[in-house]
């Protein structure tokens, strides 16, 4: 395997991030992030048993859905 495929990717370079990284990015708890992931249109990807989040779209989603923060 080439060295490029073995290197660690910084969270800021990732397309998909895990729940820990997503919660930290939004300054919310992981359970809150998982509750939000149930909302239609939330930037989530499920691959097998994994739940991943589209990093670039998370902040944009919150910008367009301020009512979620009021709950």
PDB file of N, CA and C in Angstrom:
ATOM      1  N   UNK A   1       0.847  -1.176   0.000  1.00  0.00           N
ATOM      2  CA  UNK A   1       0.000   0.000   0.000  1.00  0.00           C
ATOM      3  C   UNK A   1       0.889   1.235   0.000  1.00  0.00           C
ATOM      4  N   UNK A   2       0.521   2.241  -0.761  1.00  0.00           N
ATOM      5  CA  UNK A   2       1.352   3.438  -0.856  1.00  0.00           C
ATOM      6  C   UNK A   2       1.276   4.258   0.430  1.00  0.00           C
ATOM      7  N   UNK A   3       2.275   5.100   0.642  1.00  0.00           N
ATOM      8  CA  UNK A   3       2.322   5.953   1.827  1.00  0.00           C
ATOM      9  C   UNK A   3       1.146   6.916   1.874  1.00  0.00           C
ATOM     10  N   UNK A   4       0.670   7.376   0.723  1.00  0.00           N
ATOM     11  CA  UNK A   4      -0.459   8.304   0.691  1.00  0.00           C
ATOM     12  C   UNK A   4      -1.724   7.685   1.263  1.00  0.00           C
ATOM     13  N   UNK A   5      -1.919   6.407   1.059  1.00  0.00           N
ATOM     14  CA  UNK A   5      -3.117   5.740   1.569  1.00  0.00           C
ATOM     15  C   UNK A   5      -3.006   5.422   3.059  1.00  0.00           C
ATOM     16  N   UNK A   6      -1.807   5.346   3.589  1.00  0.00           N
ATOM     17  CA  UNK A   6      -1.591   5.001   4.991  1.00  0.00           C
ATOM     18  C   UNK A   6      -1.656   6.205   5.928  1.00  0.00           C
ATOM     19  N   UNK A   7      -1.460   7.411   5.422  1.00  0.00           N
ATOM     20  CA  UNK A   7      -1.349   8.571   6.302  1.00  0.00           C
ATOM     21  C   UNK A   7      -2.681   8.872   6.982  1.00  0.00           C
ATOM     22  N   UNK A   8      -2.583   9.419   8.172  1.00  0.00           N
ATOM     23  CA  UNK A   8      -3.771   9.848   8.908  1.00  0.00           C
ATOM     24  C   UNK A   8      -4.294  11.136   8.280  1.00  0.00           C
ATOM     25  N   UNK A   9      -5.599  11.252   8.212  1.00  0.00           N
ATOM     26  CA  UNK A   9      -6.220  12.443   7.640  1.00  0.00           C
ATOM     27  C   UNK A   9      -6.743  13.291   8.785  1.00  0.00           C
ATOM     28  N   UNK A  10      -6.395  14.569   8.790  1.00  0.00           N
ATOM     29  CA  UNK A  10      -6.870  15.490   9.822  1.00  0.00           C
ATOM     30  C   UNK A  10      -8.376  15.651   9.682  1.00  0.00           C
ATOM     31  N   UNK A  11      -9.099  15.814  10.823  1.00  0.00           N
ATOM     32  CA  UNK A  11     -10.554  15.992  10.740  1.00  0.00           C
ATOM     33  C   UNK A  11     -10.977  17.118   9.795  1.00  0.00           C
ATOM     34  N   UNK A  12     -10.177  18.159   9.679  1.00  0.00           N
ATOM     35  CA  UNK A  12     -10.539  19.268   8.799  1.00  0.00           C
ATOM     36  C   UNK A  12     -10.451  18.893   7.321  1.00  0.00           C
ATOM     37  N   UNK A  13      -9.794  17.766   7.004  1.00  0.00           N
ATOM     38  CA  UNK A  13      -9.674  17.308   5.620  1.00  0.00           C
ATOM     39  C   UNK A  13     -10.695  16.218   5.280  1.00  0.00           C
ATOM     40  N   UNK A  14     -11.335  15.667   6.284  1.00  0.00           N
ATOM     41  CA  UNK A  14     -12.248  14.551   6.065  1.00  0.00           C
ATOM     42  C   UNK A  14     -13.555  15.018   5.450  1.00  0.00           C
ATOM     43  N   UNK A  15     -14.137  14.175   4.630  1.00  0.00           N
ATOM     44  CA  UNK A  15     -15.464  14.425   4.089  1.00  0.00           C
ATOM     45  C   UNK A  15     -16.505  13.957   5.095  1.00  0.00           C
ATOM     46  N   UNK A  16     -16.292  12.771   5.649  1.00  0.00           N
ATOM     47  CA  UNK A  16     -17.184  12.218   6.667  1.00  0.00           C
ATOM     48  C   UNK A  16     -16.449  12.166   7.995  1.00  0.00           C
ATOM     49  N   UNK A  17     -17.144  12.525   9.060  1.00  0.00           N
ATOM     50  CA  UNK A  17     -16.551  12.479  10.397  1.00  0.00           C
ATOM     51  C   UNK A  17     -17.432  11.635  11.307  1.00  0.00           C
ATOM     52  N   UNK A  18     -16.841  11.133  12.376  1.00  0.00           N
ATOM     53  CA  UNK A  18     -17.604  10.311  13.313  1.00  0.00           C
ATOM     54  C   UNK A  18     -18.369  11.193  14.304  1.00  0.00           C
ATOM     55  N   UNK A  19     -19.115  10.564  15.179  1.00  0.00           N
ATOM     56  CA  UNK A  19     -19.976  11.316  16.097  1.00  0.00           C
ATOM     57  C   UNK A  19     -19.181  12.166  17.083  1.00  0.00           C
ATOM     58  N   UNK A  20     -18.045  11.688  17.531  1.00  0.00           N
ATOM     59  CA  UNK A  20     -17.219  12.457  18.456  1.00  0.00           C
ATOM     60  C   UNK A  20     -16.724  13.736  17.790  1.00  0.00           C
ATOM     61  N   UNK A  21     -16.238  13.607  16.560  1.00  0.00           N
ATOM     62  CA  UNK A  21     -15.752  14.770  15.825  1.00  0.00           C
ATOM     63  C   UNK A  21     -16.906  15.722  15.476  1.00  0.00           C
ATOM     64  N   UNK A  22     -18.056  15.170  15.102  1.00  0.00           N
ATOM     65  CA  UNK A  22     -19.212  15.990  14.750  1.00  0.00           C
ATOM     66  C   UNK A  22     -19.741  16.770  15.941  1.00  0.00           C
ATOM     67  N   UNK A  23     -19.845  16.111  17.075  1.00  0.00           N
ATOM     68  CA  UNK A  23     -20.323  16.784  18.287  1.00  0.00           C
ATOM     69  C   UNK A  23     -19.355  17.896  18.697  1.00  0.00           C
ATOM     70  N   UNK A  24     -18.061  17.623  18.606  1.00  0.00           N
ATOM     71  CA  UNK A  24     -17.060  18.642  18.948  1.00  0.00           C
ATOM     72  C   UNK A  24     -17.132  19.825  17.980  1.00  0.00           C
ATOM     73  N   UNK A  25     -17.322  19.547  16.702  1.00  0.00           N
ATOM     74  CA  UNK A  25     -17.418  20.607  15.703  1.00  0.00           C
ATOM     75  C   UNK A  25     -18.575  21.551  16.004  1.00  0.00           C
ATOM     76  N   UNK A  26     -19.689  20.994  16.481  1.00  0.00           N
ATOM     77  CA  UNK A  26     -20.885  21.793  16.744  1.00  0.00           C
ATOM     78  C   UNK A  26     -21.024  22.224  18.199  1.00  0.00           C
ATOM     79  N   UNK A  27     -20.114  21.769  19.044  1.00  0.00           N
ATOM     80  CA  UNK A  27     -20.163  22.072  20.487  1.00  0.00           C
ATOM     81  C   UNK A  27     -21.467  21.582  21.115  1.00  0.00           C
ATOM     82  N   UNK A  28     -21.839  20.355  20.763  1.00  0.00           N
ATOM     83  CA  UNK A  28     -23.013  19.706  21.355  1.00  0.00           C
ATOM     84  C   UNK A  28     -22.602  18.319  21.815  1.00  0.00           C
ATOM     85  N   UNK A  29     -23.485  17.655  22.544  1.00  0.00           N
ATOM     86  CA  UNK A  29     -23.176  16.304  23.014  1.00  0.00           C
ATOM     87  C   UNK A  29     -23.424  15.287  21.898  1.00  0.00           C
ATOM     88  N   UNK A  30     -22.803  14.128  22.032  1.00  0.00           N
ATOM     89  CA  UNK A  30     -23.028  13.061  21.056  1.00  0.00           C
ATOM     90  C   UNK A  30     -24.486  12.608  21.052  1.00  0.00           C
ATOM     91  N   UNK A  31     -25.152  12.441  22.219  1.00  0.00           N
ATOM     92  CA  UNK A  31     -26.578  12.062  22.170  1.00  0.00           C
ATOM     93  C   UNK A  31     -27.430  13.089  21.426  1.00  0.00           C
ATOM     94  N   UNK A  32     -27.118  14.370  21.585  1.00  0.00           N
ATOM     95  CA  UNK A  32     -27.858  15.406  20.857  1.00  0.00           C
ATOM     96  C   UNK A  32     -27.620  15.269  19.360  1.00  0.00           C
ATOM     97  N   UNK A  33     -26.396  15.008  18.971  1.00  0.00           N
ATOM     98  CA  UNK A  33     -26.082  14.818  17.557  1.00  0.00           C
ATOM     99  C   UNK A  33     -26.854  13.634  16.991  1.00  0.00           C
ATOM    100  N   UNK A  34     -26.920  12.533  17.740  1.00  0.00           N
ATOM    101  CA  UNK A  34     -27.668  11.360  17.276  1.00  0.00           C
ATOM    102  C   UNK A  34     -29.164  11.649  17.182  1.00  0.00           C
ATOM    103  N   UNK A  35     -29.706  12.451  18.096  1.00  0.00           N
ATOM    104  CA  UNK A  35     -31.120  12.840  17.992  1.00  0.00           C
ATOM    105  C   UNK A  35     -31.358  13.669  16.737  1.00  0.00           C
ATOM    106  N   UNK A  36     -30.452  14.600  16.462  1.00  0.00           N
ATOM    107  CA  UNK A  36     -30.574  15.418  15.261  1.00  0.00           C
ATOM    108  C   UNK A  36     -30.472  14.578  13.993  1.00  0.00           C
ATOM    109  N   UNK A  37     -29.692  13.514  14.051  1.00  0.00           N
ATOM    110  CA  UNK A  37     -29.503  12.646  12.884  1.00  0.00           C
ATOM    111  C   UNK A  37     -30.807  11.969  12.457  1.00  0.00           C
ATOM    112  N   UNK A  38     -31.807  11.977  13.333  1.00  0.00           N
ATOM    113  CA  UNK A  38     -33.106  11.387  12.997  1.00  0.00           C
ATOM    114  C   UNK A  38     -33.966  12.325  12.157  1.00  0.00           C
ATOM    115  N   UNK A  39     -33.582  13.596  12.048  1.00  0.00           N
ATOM    116  CA  UNK A  39     -34.357  14.591  11.309  1.00  0.00           C
ATOM    117  C   UNK A  39     -34.094  14.421   9.814  1.00  0.00           C
ATOM    118  N   UNK A  40     -35.176  14.425   9.036  1.00  0.00           N
ATOM    119  CA  UNK A  40     -35.039  14.356   7.579  1.00  0.00           C
ATOM    120  C   UNK A  40     -34.172  15.488   7.061  1.00  0.00           C
ATOM    121  N   UNK A  41     -33.234  15.170   6.193  1.00  0.00           N
ATOM    122  CA  UNK A  41     -32.384  16.187   5.598  1.00  0.00           C
ATOM    123  C   UNK A  41     -31.117  16.493   6.378  1.00  0.00           C
ATOM    124  N   UNK A  42     -30.970  15.903   7.572  1.00  0.00           N
ATOM    125  CA  UNK A  42     -29.747  16.130   8.342  1.00  0.00           C
ATOM    126  C   UNK A  42     -28.588  15.461   7.603  1.00  0.00           C
ATOM    127  N   UNK A  43     -27.417  16.094   7.545  1.00  0.00           N
ATOM    128  CA  UNK A  43     -26.292  15.563   6.766  1.00  0.00           C
ATOM    129  C   UNK A  43     -25.619  14.358   7.419  1.00  0.00           C
ATOM    130  N   UNK A  44     -26.292  13.236   7.347  1.00  0.00           N
ATOM    131  CA  UNK A  44     -25.797  12.001   7.957  1.00  0.00           C
ATOM    132  C   UNK A  44     -25.700  10.912   6.890  1.00  0.00           C
ATOM    133  N   UNK A  45     -24.732  10.024   7.085  1.00  0.00           N
ATOM    134  CA  UNK A  45     -24.546   8.882   6.198  1.00  0.00           C
ATOM    135  C   UNK A  45     -24.444   7.645   7.072  1.00  0.00           C
ATOM    136  N   UNK A  46     -25.223   6.638   6.745  1.00  0.00           N
ATOM    137  CA  UNK A  46     -25.145   5.378   7.481  1.00  0.00           C
ATOM    138  C   UNK A  46     -24.504   4.333   6.583  1.00  0.00           C
ATOM    139  N   UNK A  47     -23.406   3.782   7.066  1.00  0.00           N
ATOM    140  CA  UNK A  47     -22.684   2.755   6.331  1.00  0.00           C
ATOM    141  C   UNK A  47     -22.606   1.549   7.249  1.00  0.00           C
ATOM    142  N   UNK A  48     -23.387   0.537   6.939  1.00  0.00           N
ATOM    143  CA  UNK A  48     -23.483  -0.609   7.829  1.00  0.00           C
ATOM    144  C   UNK A  48     -24.019  -0.143   9.169  1.00  0.00           C
ATOM    145  N   UNK A  49     -23.313  -0.452  10.227  1.00  0.00           N
ATOM    146  CA  UNK A  49     -23.741  -0.033  11.559  1.00  0.00           C
ATOM    147  C   UNK A  49     -23.158   1.322  11.962  1.00  0.00           C
ATOM    148  N   UNK A  50     -22.338   1.907  11.097  1.00  0.00           N
ATOM    149  CA  UNK A  50     -21.701   3.193  11.410  1.00  0.00           C
ATOM    150  C   UNK A  50     -22.587   4.362  11.016  1.00  0.00           C
ATOM    151  N   UNK A  51     -22.587   5.374  11.847  1.00  0.00           N
ATOM    152  CA  UNK A  51     -23.265   6.623  11.551  1.00  0.00           C
ATOM    153  C   UNK A  51     -22.187   7.692  11.426  1.00  0.00           C
ATOM    154  N   UNK A  52     -22.085   8.267  10.246  1.00  0.00           N
ATOM    155  CA  UNK A  52     -21.079   9.290   9.978  1.00  0.00           C
ATOM    156  C   UNK A  52     -21.780  10.572   9.559  1.00  0.00           C
ATOM    157  N   UNK A  53     -21.063  11.670   9.624  1.00  0.00           N
ATOM    158  CA  UNK A  53     -21.655  12.977   9.367  1.00  0.00           C
ATOM    159  C   UNK A  53     -20.843  13.708   8.315  1.00  0.00           C
ATOM    160  N   UNK A  54     -21.537  14.407   7.426  1.00  0.00           N
ATOM    161  CA  UNK A  54     -20.898  15.170   6.365  1.00  0.00           C
ATOM    162  C   UNK A  54     -20.363  16.475   6.966  1.00  0.00           C
ATOM    163  N   UNK A  55     -19.068  16.533   7.159  1.00  0.00           N
ATOM    164  CA  UNK A  55     -18.430  17.632   7.881  1.00  0.00           C
ATOM    165  C   UNK A  55     -18.795  19.004   7.315  1.00  0.00           C
ATOM    166  N   UNK A  56     -18.643  19.195   6.036  1.00  0.00           N
ATOM    167  CA  UNK A  56     -18.877  20.512   5.438  1.00  0.00           C
ATOM    168  C   UNK A  56     -20.337  20.955   5.558  1.00  0.00           C
ATOM    169  N   UNK A  57     -21.249  20.002   5.589  1.00  0.00           N
ATOM    170  CA  UNK A  57     -22.664  20.343   5.588  1.00  0.00           C
ATOM    171  C   UNK A  57     -23.251  20.547   6.990  1.00  0.00           C
ATOM    172  N   UNK A  58     -22.535  20.124   8.030  1.00  0.00           N
ATOM    173  CA  UNK A  58     -23.077  20.250   9.388  1.00  0.00           C
ATOM    174  C   UNK A  58     -23.337  21.703   9.781  1.00  0.00           C
ATOM    175  N   UNK A  59     -22.335  22.541   9.665  1.00  0.00           N
ATOM    176  CA  UNK A  59     -22.505  23.951  10.056  1.00  0.00           C
ATOM    177  C   UNK A  59     -23.533  24.634   9.170  1.00  0.00           C
ATOM    178  N   UNK A  60     -23.514  24.317   7.887  1.00  0.00           N
ATOM    179  CA  UNK A  60     -24.486  24.915   6.965  1.00  0.00           C
ATOM    180  C   UNK A  60     -25.904  24.506   7.343  1.00  0.00           C
ATOM    181  N   UNK A  61     -26.087  23.271   7.778  1.00  0.00           N
ATOM    182  CA  UNK A  61     -27.417  22.801   8.175  1.00  0.00           C
ATOM    183  C   UNK A  61     -27.918  23.604   9.369  1.00  0.00           C
ATOM    184  N   UNK A  62     -27.058  23.834  10.340  1.00  0.00           N
ATOM    185  CA  UNK A  62     -27.460  24.611  11.510  1.00  0.00           C
ATOM    186  C   UNK A  62     -27.772  26.055  11.142  1.00  0.00           C
ATOM    187  N   UNK A  63     -27.047  26.611  10.185  1.00  0.00           N
ATOM    188  CA  UNK A  63     -27.327  27.980   9.743  1.00  0.00           C
ATOM    189  C   UNK A  63     -28.715  28.104   9.127  1.00  0.00           C
ATOM    190  N   UNK A  64     -29.165  27.045   8.478  1.00  0.00           N
ATOM    191  CA  UNK A  64     -30.469  27.090   7.814  1.00  0.00           C
ATOM    192  C   UNK A  64     -31.607  26.526   8.664  1.00  0.00           C
ATOM    193  N   UNK A  65     -31.297  26.006   9.846  1.00  0.00           N
ATOM    194  CA  UNK A  65     -32.306  25.435  10.742  1.00  0.00           C
ATOM    195  C   UNK A  65     -32.138  25.956  12.177  1.00  0.00           C
ATOM    196  N   UNK A  66     -32.215  27.276  12.381  1.00  0.00           N
ATOM    197  CA  UNK A  66     -31.997  27.835  13.730  1.00  0.00           C
ATOM    198  C   UNK A  66     -33.048  27.389  14.734  1.00  0.00           C
ATOM    199  N   UNK A  67     -34.214  26.970  14.265  1.00  0.00           N
ATOM    200  CA  UNK A  67     -35.272  26.542  15.184  1.00  0.00           C
ATOM    201  C   UNK A  67     -34.879  25.302  15.981  1.00  0.00           C
ATOM    202  N   UNK A  68     -33.983  24.501  15.468  1.00  0.00           N
ATOM    203  CA  UNK A  68     -33.543  23.290  16.168  1.00  0.00           C
ATOM    204  C   UNK A  68     -32.828  23.664  17.463  1.00  0.00           C
ATOM    205  N   UNK A  69     -32.110  24.748  17.455  1.00  0.00           N
ATOM    206  CA  UNK A  69     -31.352  25.178  18.637  1.00  0.00           C
ATOM    207  C   UNK A  69     -32.265  25.742  19.718  1.00  0.00           C
ATOM    208  N   UNK A  70     -33.496  26.069  19.378  1.00  0.00           N
ATOM    209  CA  UNK A  70     -34.430  26.648  20.346  1.00  0.00           C
ATOM    210  C   UNK A  70     -35.097  25.588  21.213  1.00  0.00           C
ATOM    211  N   UNK A  71     -35.019  24.335  20.787  1.00  0.00           N
ATOM    212  CA  UNK A  71     -35.722  23.255  21.507  1.00  0.00           C
ATOM    213  C   UNK A  71     -35.008  22.848  22.763  1.00  0.00           C
TER     214      UNK A  71
END
